[in-house]
Amino acid sequence: MQLRFLETFIHLAKVRNFRKVADLLHTTQPVISSRINALENELGTKLFERSKRGVQLTSEGRVLLPHAEMVVELTDEMKWLVNKNRKMTGSLRVGVTDTILRSWFVQLMECFREKYPGVNIEMLSSTSADVIQSLQDHAVDVGLAMRDGNDPKLDFVPLGAFPVAWVASPTAFPIRRATVGTLLDMPILSFPKNSIPYKTLERYLKMHSKVRVNVHSSNSIATIVQMAEEGLGIAPMPRAVVMRELASGTLHEITVDVEFPPLEFFAITEASPRKTLKDEFVEMAREQAIAYSSRYPDDYLINPD
């Protein structure tokens, strides 16, 4: 019985779509079908019911799933234990948000590459919500993102909290201090709707006013920063990601009477008692977050400890 057949079976059991599994495994639908057929023939039973709406596990498939997961996890753990002090190869899929990318992610990559030069990082840059969804869909192995709710199937390791500053162009918005009420008269630049920072902004504003606020959203921090520099609005941004702009003077900070809640970040993985390469990556991420917080004051990153 080939391990890749079991891995394909697990992915299909959870995603329930041949095309999506083919995309996840970087292959074609016929290859996925061939692997499942081979596994069914070897076991002498049908594992999936096919329909136009997708696939569902049969009763035999539901019995097999936890055992298949155990075999794959044990195999990963075995490889990790045998090879962790040698030259490892393979790939690790990481979902990461812009905030982490623009703070300490480069240092994390350098540290990981030095220790595991044979392991390729496949990176997905997206919002926290998309990163968490990708973890649930098994499209990434590790997520560096904010937490949205409590999923018992996921493990969350704290990476610290990024304090948020209101920033704007000093020429377009020359004020140095403001009340929340004053902000309501200004165009606000923010992360995309339904993102965790956007929801945090909504709660923050609703606590102080029932007036509908003019908010322009983007899924790119670089775009938000550029719009703020060009005087198109003010933006609540983690100080760590606009450090250069504040230092150069293209943006300045507006002190507001009510502090914006810090944005908490986590290293997120699928819950498992087995220790594998992704756990090593999580530990390295935590070390880099702590190192970053030690280099800068708490108004850039609050130590995860």
Foldseek 3Di string as FASTA:
>chain_A
DDLVLLVLLLLCQQQQALCVSCVLVVHDSVVSVVSQVVVCVVVVHHQWDDDPVGIHGDPVVVVCNVVSVVVNLVVQLVCCVVDQQHADAEEFEEEEEPLCVLFQVVVLVVVVCVRHVRYYYHYHYFFQVVRVVCQSSVSGFKYKYFDDDDDVQKDWAWLFWFFWFKKAFCVLPVAQEEELVVQQVWEEEEADPPGPVVVLVVVVSVVPDPDDGHYHHDGDPVVSVVCRLVNRTIYTGRCSNCVVCCVVRSMHTHHYPDTRDTTIITIMGGDDPRDHVSVVSRVSSSVSSQVSCVVDPVNRTNRSD
